[in-house]
Amino acid sequence: MQRHVAILGAGPIGLDAALACAVAGWPFTVYEAAETVAAHLRAWGHVRLFTPWDLNVSHRMRARLPDTPTGDGCPTGAELATRLLDPVAALPALEGRIRYRTRVAAIARTGLLKHEQIGTGTRAAAPFTLLLDTPGGEDTAEADLVLDCTGTYSHPNTLGPGGIPALGERALADRITRTLPNTAESDRWAGTVLLVGAGKSAQTAARDLAALPGTRVEWVVRKPAPDWGAVPDDTLPGRQHLVDTSRALAGGANDRVTVHTGAYIQALSPESDRIRVVLATEGGPHAMSCDHVVALTGYTGDVSLYRQMQVHECYATGAPMNLSAALLGSPGGDCLAQPTVGIDALRNPEPHFFILGAKSYGRLNTFLLRTGYQQIDQFVAAYADAPRLLSTGT
């Protein structure tokens, strides 16, 4: 008997998982909270990736969309959405299988609490119950296997010391931008921008904001001596360009950009139509005022979805424990040099529940789409004999 697969999220990894299920002949449903596929990509659609088309298209997608661009050209987020993922979603194999504007609010084992039937066949055989928020109100659905491919971009980290909100941050939440700014709207960013973060998103924002003549940037970086994620002999020119630009800005190359290293946000407060900021620095508190706050301190997945299930999370990264251990045990931090892990590294104590894609990396920032497609390959291989595996909990 064939079993039903629930796929959470219609981004690149969710759609590739849907294609894999279609090819295998497994019934599936994709649940997407937005009105269209690739909502996270579209949110930063103006930004160009530093990885080329060949690293962003799965072999399943390529087989069904042979006209998809190839080579070392790097797409923008919008191009990846419109030229790849929209056509994938329109394939006959996925027709009627994507439920838009349907958010999975929680998942549980039907009839079982989190602490019950640990490691037993009874738990493995029980279906999942999904609580859904739909345009028509709350609803439920069942599935025998769940792939959480919801990503991270809708759950940004906060600004304060140790990762908690800074004083006043919660009260000013509606005045803080937590996504990559679109600097084509130059008037939107006139004045002083407080930029927080040091990763590739923050570096992209710093580069783009620094090019606006009507904008001054106060860039706050937590590490005293950031290395900007430099990779020796980097083979990705776009990534190396961000590193070079960040080093130049930190060195004073643009007199409208000031980089505060070894600092973090201590407090925020309203100051008429501006925001007053207090930085904690090595030399003591430092106060300033700004017109905009752009917080790009990273993103993590929504772990509340599976709080009633037996998921073993790494205490440091928040990623599934087995995968996190494999990643932390691998030398280097280059996203191009991630280890190839087997299906056991993707498993959780909860049978037939998998966290895949960017969310599976937790707080680690070395995920590539290519890695997510490899995860789908491993899942498909492990469940090639799906009825037997689902009934035994292997």
Protein backbone atom coordinates (compact mmCIF):
# COMPACT_ATOMS: atom_id res chain seq x y z
CA MET A 1 0.00 0.00 0.00
CA GLN A 2 1.32 3.44 -0.90
CA ARG A 3 1.57 6.03 1.85
CA HIS A 4 1.04 9.77 1.73
CA VAL A 5 3.97 12.21 1.96
CA ALA A 6 3.48 15.74 3.34
CA ILE A 7 6.02 18.29 2.09
CA LEU A 8 6.20 21.54 4.03
CA GLY A 9 7.29 24.50 1.91
CA ALA A 10 7.33 25.14 -1.85
CA GLY A 11 10.82 26.52 -2.15
CA PRO A 12 13.58 24.85 -4.19
CA ILE A 13 14.01 21.88 -1.83
CA GLY A 14 10.28 21.34 -1.32
CA LEU A 15 9.63 21.39 -5.05
CA ASP A 16 12.51 19.00 -5.73
CA ALA A 17 11.08 16.68 -3.07
CA ALA A 18 7.70 16.90 -4.80
CA LEU A 19 9.29 15.95 -8.12
CA ALA A 20 11.05 13.03 -6.45
CA CYS A 21 7.78 11.77 -5.00
CA ALA A 22 6.05 12.14 -8.35
CA VAL A 23 8.77 10.15 -10.11
CA ALA A 24 8.58 7.42 -7.46
CA GLY A 25 4.80 7.28 -7.73
CA TRP A 26 4.23 8.25 -4.10
CA PRO A 27 1.11 10.28 -3.25
CA PHE A 28 2.12 13.66 -1.83
CA THR A 29 0.87 17.12 -0.92
CA VAL A 30 2.94 20.31 -0.72
CA TYR A 31 1.82 22.85 1.88
CA GLU A 32 2.88 26.43 1.15
CA ALA A 33 2.05 29.36 3.42
CA ALA A 34 2.46 31.99 0.70
CA GLU A 35 0.37 32.63 -2.40
CA THR A 36 3.10 31.38 -4.71
CA VAL A 37 6.12 29.13 -4.75
CA ALA A 38 9.56 30.46 -3.78
CA ALA A 39 8.27 33.19 -1.45
CA HIS A 40 11.59 33.46 0.38
CA LEU A 41 13.53 33.79 -2.86
CA ARG A 42 11.22 36.51 -4.08
CA ALA A 43 11.71 38.41 -0.81
CA TRP A 44 15.31 39.01 -1.83
CA GLY A 45 14.71 38.71 -5.54
CA HIS A 46 16.82 41.78 -6.36
CA VAL A 47 19.97 40.11 -5.00
CA ARG A 48 22.28 38.05 -7.22
CA LEU A 49 23.48 34.71 -5.85
CA PHE A 50 27.19 34.02 -5.83
CA THR A 51 26.56 30.43 -6.94
CA PRO A 52 25.97 29.66 -10.65
CA TRP A 53 22.95 28.09 -12.32
CA ASP A 54 24.63 24.70 -12.40
CA LEU A 55 24.68 24.57 -8.59
CA ASN A 56 21.09 25.74 -8.22
CA VAL A 57 19.21 23.35 -10.52
CA SER A 58 18.61 19.75 -9.45
CA HIS A 59 19.02 16.88 -11.87
CA ARG A 60 15.28 16.20 -11.58
CA MET A 61 14.46 19.77 -12.55
CA ARG A 62 16.97 19.72 -15.40
CA ALA A 63 15.49 16.50 -16.80
CA ARG A 64 12.03 18.06 -17.02
CA LEU A 65 13.08 21.60 -17.92
CA PRO A 66 15.98 21.19 -20.36
CA ASP A 67 15.80 24.87 -21.37
CA THR A 68 16.77 26.05 -17.87
CA PRO A 69 19.97 28.14 -18.06
CA THR A 70 23.27 26.39 -17.50
CA GLY A 71 26.86 27.44 -16.95
CA ASP A 72 28.59 29.76 -14.51
CA GLY A 73 26.21 32.70 -14.75
CA CYS A 74 24.70 33.57 -11.37
CA PRO A 75 20.94 34.22 -11.20
CA THR A 76 19.15 36.69 -8.98
CA GLY A 77 16.60 35.38 -6.54
CA ALA A 78 13.83 36.60 -8.83
CA GLU A 79 15.37 34.88 -11.84
CA LEU A 80 15.66 31.62 -9.95
CA ALA A 81 12.01 31.87 -8.97
CA THR A 82 10.59 32.85 -12.36
CA ARG A 83 12.87 30.90 -14.67
CA LEU A 84 13.14 27.70 -12.63
CA LEU A 85 10.70 27.26 -9.78
CA ASP A 86 7.57 28.69 -11.40
CA PRO A 87 8.00 26.29 -14.36
CA VAL A 88 8.64 23.39 -11.98
CA ALA A 89 5.42 24.15 -10.09
CA ALA A 90 3.54 24.24 -13.40
CA LEU A 91 4.65 20.74 -14.43
CA PRO A 92 1.79 18.25 -14.87
CA ALA A 93 3.34 15.99 -12.22
CA LEU A 94 2.71 18.68 -9.58
CA GLU A 95 -0.67 19.84 -10.84
CA GLY A 96 -3.14 20.13 -7.98
CA ARG A 97 -0.57 18.92 -5.43
CA ILE A 98 0.44 22.32 -3.97
CA ARG A 99 -1.89 23.88 -1.41
CA TYR A 100 -1.15 27.60 -1.35
CA ARG A 101 -1.97 29.95 1.54
CA THR A 102 -1.87 26.91 3.81
CA ARG A 103 0.50 27.09 6.73
CA VAL A 104 1.35 24.03 8.80
CA ALA A 105 1.07 25.33 12.36
CA ALA A 106 2.00 22.12 14.23
CA ILE A 107 2.67 18.43 13.70
CA ALA A 108 2.10 15.46 16.01
CA ARG A 109 1.70 11.70 15.98
CA THR A 110 -1.98 10.90 15.90
CA GLY A 111 -3.07 9.70 19.33
CA LEU A 112 0.42 9.81 20.87
CA LEU A 113 2.11 12.36 23.09
CA LYS A 114 5.75 13.32 22.72
CA HIS A 115 6.98 10.98 25.45
CA GLU A 116 4.96 7.91 24.47
CA GLN A 117 6.00 4.79 22.56
CA ILE A 118 9.67 5.79 22.32
CA GLY A 119 11.43 3.84 19.59
CA THR A 120 8.58 1.40 19.01
CA GLY A 121 6.88 0.12 15.89
CA THR A 122 3.61 1.43 17.28
CA ARG A 123 4.88 4.98 17.06
CA ALA A 124 6.35 4.41 13.60
CA ALA A 125 3.04 3.09 12.32
CA ALA A 126 0.94 5.95 13.69
CA PRO A 127 0.17 8.63 11.08
CA PHE A 128 1.10 12.27 11.52
CA THR A 129 -1.55 14.89 12.19
CA LEU A 130 -0.90 18.31 10.67
CA LEU A 131 -2.69 21.36 12.04
CA LEU A 132 -3.29 23.74 9.14
CA ASP A 133 -4.09 27.43 8.89
CA THR A 134 -6.01 27.83 5.62
CA PRO A 135 -7.94 30.66 3.94
CA GLY A 136 -11.10 29.02 5.22
CA GLY A 137 -9.89 28.66 8.80
CA GLU A 138 -8.25 25.85 10.75
CA ASP A 139 -8.13 22.36 9.34
CA THR A 140 -6.20 19.12 9.80
CA ALA A 141 -4.58 16.61 7.49
CA GLU A 142 -2.82 13.28 7.90
CA ALA A 143 0.39 11.94 6.41
CA ASP A 144 2.59 8.90 6.85
CA LEU A 145 5.86 10.70 6.10
CA VAL A 146 6.74 14.37 6.59
CA LEU A 147 9.50 16.42 4.97
CA ASP A 148 9.99 19.81 6.63
CA CYS A 149 11.46 22.03 3.90
CA THR A 150 10.22 25.34 5.30
CA GLY A 151 13.59 27.11 5.29
CA THR A 152 14.68 29.89 7.61
CA TYR A 153 14.16 33.32 6.00
CA SER A 154 10.91 34.07 7.82
CA HIS A 155 12.51 33.63 11.27
CA PRO A 156 15.32 36.19 11.70
CA ASN A 157 17.57 36.33 14.72
CA THR A 158 17.43 39.26 17.11
CA LEU A 159 19.98 41.97 17.86
CA GLY A 160 20.93 41.85 21.52
CA PRO A 161 23.78 40.31 23.51
CA GLY A 162 23.96 36.54 23.32
CA GLY A 163 21.19 36.38 20.74
CA ILE A 164 18.31 37.70 22.85
CA PRO A 165 16.47 40.90 21.87
CA ALA A 166 18.21 44.15 22.76
CA LEU A 167 16.49 46.49 25.20
CA GLY A 168 13.70 48.21 23.28
CA GLU A 169 13.99 45.97 20.23
CA ARG A 170 10.62 44.29 20.66
CA ALA A 171 8.82 47.61 21.03
CA LEU A 172 10.41 48.89 17.82
CA ALA A 173 9.92 45.67 15.85
CA ASP A 174 7.80 47.33 13.16
CA ARG A 175 10.61 49.84 12.43
CA ILE A 176 13.36 47.24 11.97
CA THR A 177 14.09 45.76 8.53
CA ARG A 178 15.18 42.13 8.79
CA THR A 179 15.45 41.32 5.08
CA LEU A 180 17.97 42.42 2.45
CA PRO A 181 17.16 46.02 1.48
CA ASN A 182 16.33 46.79 -2.13
CA THR A 183 18.54 49.79 -2.82
CA ALA A 184 16.87 50.42 -6.16
CA GLU A 185 14.43 52.31 -3.92
CA SER A 186 17.19 54.81 -3.10
CA ASP A 187 14.92 57.39 -1.45
CA ARG A 188 13.70 54.72 0.95
CA TRP A 189 17.22 54.53 2.47
CA ALA A 190 18.11 58.22 2.66
CA GLY A 191 19.71 59.27 5.93
CA THR A 192 21.62 57.11 8.38
CA VAL A 193 21.24 53.33 8.28
CA LEU A 194 22.30 51.21 11.24
CA LEU A 195 23.35 47.87 9.72
CA VAL A 196 23.95 44.91 12.05
CA GLY A 197 25.59 41.63 11.05
CA ALA A 198 28.70 40.33 9.31
CA GLY A 199 27.57 37.44 7.12
CA LYS A 200 27.01 37.45 3.40
CA SER A 201 23.59 39.10 3.69
CA ALA A 202 25.02 41.96 5.76
CA GLN A 203 27.99 42.26 3.40
CA THR A 204 25.64 42.48 0.43
CA ALA A 205 23.58 45.16 2.17
CA ALA A 206 26.71 47.13 3.12
CA ARG A 207 28.00 47.05 -0.45
CA ASP A 208 24.68 48.19 -1.90
CA LEU A 209 23.91 50.85 0.73
CA ALA A 210 27.42 52.27 0.42
CA ALA A 211 26.71 53.04 -3.24
CA LEU A 212 23.80 55.38 -2.39
CA PRO A 213 24.97 59.01 -2.25
CA GLY A 214 22.21 60.04 0.16
CA THR A 215 22.92 57.29 2.67
CA ARG A 216 25.31 56.99 5.59
CA VAL A 217 25.96 53.53 7.04
CA GLU A 218 26.89 52.71 10.62
CA TRP A 219 27.85 49.02 10.37
CA VAL A 220 27.94 47.06 13.63
CA VAL A 221 29.95 43.82 13.67
CA ARG A 222 30.20 41.65 16.77
CA LYS A 223 33.69 40.19 16.22
CA PRO A 224 36.68 42.45 16.96
CA ALA A 225 38.60 41.16 13.92
CA PRO A 226 36.14 39.67 11.41
CA ASP A 227 37.52 37.54 8.61
CA TRP A 228 34.36 38.19 6.52
CA GLY A 229 34.06 34.48 5.75
CA ALA A 230 37.04 34.51 3.42
CA VAL A 231 37.81 31.24 1.64
CA PRO A 232 41.40 30.68 0.39
CA ASP A 233 41.61 30.67 -3.41
CA ASP A 234 37.85 31.15 -3.62
CA THR A 235 36.38 29.75 -6.84
CA LEU A 236 33.20 31.82 -6.51
CA PRO A 237 34.02 35.35 -7.75
CA GLY A 238 30.85 36.86 -6.33
CA ARG A 239 31.63 35.64 -2.84
CA GLN A 240 35.23 36.84 -3.04
CA HIS A 241 33.99 40.25 -4.21
CA LEU A 242 31.85 40.59 -1.07
CA VAL A 243 34.85 39.75 1.11
CA ASP A 244 37.05 42.26 -0.72
CA THR A 245 34.39 44.98 -0.52
CA SER A 246 33.82 44.40 3.20
CA ARG A 247 37.54 44.60 3.92
CA ALA A 248 37.75 47.83 1.96
CA LEU A 249 34.79 49.38 3.79
CA ALA A 250 36.25 48.35 7.15
CA GLY A 251 39.49 49.99 6.07
CA GLY A 252 37.80 53.33 5.43
CA ALA A 253 37.42 53.15 1.65
CA ASN A 254 34.08 55.00 1.80
CA ASP A 255 33.76 58.02 4.10
CA ARG A 256 29.99 57.46 4.37
CA VAL A 257 30.50 54.04 5.96
CA THR A 258 31.76 53.51 9.51
CA VAL A 259 32.39 49.94 10.66
CA HIS A 260 32.14 49.33 14.42
CA THR A 261 33.90 46.03 15.14
CA GLY A 262 33.79 44.31 18.53
CA ALA A 263 30.39 45.88 19.20
CA TYR A 264 26.79 44.87 19.69
CA ILE A 265 23.43 46.57 20.18
CA GLN A 266 22.74 47.27 23.83
CA ALA A 267 19.53 49.30 23.55
CA LEU A 268 17.14 50.93 21.08
CA SER A 269 14.62 53.65 21.82
CA PRO A 270 12.39 56.01 19.80
CA GLU A 271 13.69 59.51 19.26
CA SER A 272 10.95 61.44 17.49
CA ASP A 273 11.00 60.07 13.93
CA ARG A 274 14.47 58.57 14.43
CA ILE A 275 15.85 55.75 16.56
CA ARG A 276 18.42 56.20 19.31
CA VAL A 277 20.94 53.39 19.55
CA VAL A 278 23.36 52.49 22.31
CA LEU A 279 26.25 50.26 21.28
CA ALA A 280 28.31 48.22 23.69
CA THR A 281 31.91 48.59 22.55
CA GLU A 282 35.32 47.71 23.94
CA GLY A 283 35.70 51.36 24.94
CA GLY A 284 32.32 51.52 26.71
CA PRO A 285 28.78 52.52 25.64
CA HIS A 286 28.51 54.57 22.45
CA ALA A 287 25.26 56.38 21.54
CA MET A 288 24.09 57.47 18.11
CA SER A 289 20.89 58.19 16.21
CA CYS A 290 19.74 56.64 12.94
CA ASP A 291 16.87 56.78 10.50
CA HIS A 292 16.71 53.07 9.70
CA VAL A 293 17.76 49.81 11.36
CA VAL A 294 18.66 46.85 9.13
CA ALA A 295 19.17 43.68 11.17
CA LEU A 296 20.87 40.90 9.21
CA THR A 297 22.09 38.66 12.01
CA GLY A 298 21.06 35.37 10.45
CA TYR A 299 17.97 33.19 10.34
CA THR A 300 16.88 29.93 11.94
CA GLY A 301 13.97 27.64 11.22
CA ASP A 302 10.69 27.47 13.11
CA VAL A 303 11.24 24.66 15.60
CA SER A 304 7.81 25.10 17.18
CA LEU A 305 6.31 22.99 14.38
CA TYR A 306 7.62 19.76 15.86
CA ARG A 307 7.66 20.45 19.60
CA GLN A 308 5.30 17.53 20.18
CA MET A 309 7.54 15.08 18.36
CA GLN A 310 10.73 13.24 19.18
CA VAL A 311 13.31 15.39 17.41
CA HIS A 312 16.89 15.37 18.70
CA GLU A 313 18.35 18.85 18.24
CA CYS A 314 21.99 19.81 18.60
CA TYR A 315 22.44 21.95 21.71
CA ALA A 316 24.80 24.28 19.82
CA THR A 317 23.43 24.63 16.29
CA GLY A 318 19.75 23.78 16.71
CA ALA A 319 20.08 21.41 13.74
CA PRO A 320 19.10 17.72 13.93
CA MET A 321 21.77 16.10 16.09
CA ASN A 322 23.12 13.49 13.69
CA LEU A 323 23.53 15.94 10.83
CA SER A 324 24.98 18.62 13.08
CA ALA A 325 27.59 16.20 14.42
CA ALA A 326 28.62 15.29 10.87
CA LEU A 327 28.89 18.93 9.84
CA LEU A 328 30.75 20.10 12.94
CA GLY A 329 33.18 17.22 12.56
CA SER A 330 34.04 18.25 9.02
CA PRO A 331 37.01 20.63 8.64
CA GLY A 332 36.58 24.03 7.06
CA GLY A 333 33.61 26.31 6.56
CA ASP A 334 33.36 26.46 2.78
CA CYS A 335 29.85 25.78 1.52
CA LEU A 336 31.39 24.14 -1.55
CA ALA A 337 33.19 21.60 0.63
CA GLN A 338 30.32 20.21 2.68
CA PRO A 339 30.56 16.50 3.55
CA THR A 340 28.31 14.03 1.81
CA VAL A 341 26.20 12.44 4.54
CA GLY A 342 24.03 9.36 4.39
CA ILE A 343 20.39 8.97 5.28
CA ASP A 344 21.22 8.09 8.88
CA ALA A 345 22.57 11.61 9.43
CA LEU A 346 19.20 12.98 8.29
CA ARG A 347 17.08 10.77 10.49
CA ASN A 348 15.43 11.83 13.74
CA PRO A 349 14.26 9.64 16.62
CA GLU A 350 10.80 10.39 15.21
CA PRO A 351 10.37 7.79 12.44
CA HIS A 352 9.60 9.10 8.95
CA PHE A 353 10.06 12.76 9.86
CA PHE A 354 12.87 14.65 8.13
CA ILE A 355 14.11 18.24 8.31
CA LEU A 356 15.70 19.06 4.96
CA GLY A 357 17.13 22.08 3.20
CA ALA A 358 18.47 25.20 4.88
CA LYS A 359 16.53 24.47 8.07
CA SER A 360 18.47 21.23 8.52
CA TYR A 361 21.67 23.25 9.00
CA GLY A 362 20.32 25.19 11.99
CA ARG A 363 22.67 28.07 12.77
CA LEU A 364 25.35 26.86 10.38
CA ASN A 365 25.61 29.11 7.34
CA THR A 366 27.25 26.77 4.83
CA PHE A 367 24.13 25.36 3.18
CA LEU A 368 23.85 25.29 -0.62
CA LEU A 369 20.83 24.31 -2.74
CA ARG A 370 23.01 21.55 -4.16
CA THR A 371 23.23 20.10 -0.65
CA GLY A 372 19.46 20.08 -0.31
CA TYR A 373 19.05 18.27 -3.61
CA GLN A 374 21.53 15.65 -2.42
CA GLN A 375 19.42 15.22 0.72
CA ILE A 376 16.41 14.47 -1.48
CA ASP A 377 18.46 11.89 -3.37
CA GLN A 378 19.32 10.18 -0.08
CA PHE A 379 15.71 10.22 1.06
CA VAL A 380 14.50 8.70 -2.22
CA ALA A 381 17.10 5.94 -2.09
CA ALA A 382 16.23 5.07 1.50
CA TYR A 383 12.51 4.88 0.78
CA ALA A 384 12.71 3.07 -2.54
CA ASP A 385 10.81 0.26 -0.82
CA ALA A 386 8.43 2.75 0.76
CA PRO A 387 5.60 0.45 1.94
CA ARG A 388 8.00 -1.87 3.80
CA LEU A 389 10.02 0.96 5.37
CA LEU A 390 6.97 2.88 6.49
CA SER A 391 5.43 -0.12 8.14
CA THR A 392 8.59 -1.14 10.00
CA GLY A 393 9.95 2.27 10.97
CA THR A 394 13.39 1.48 9.54
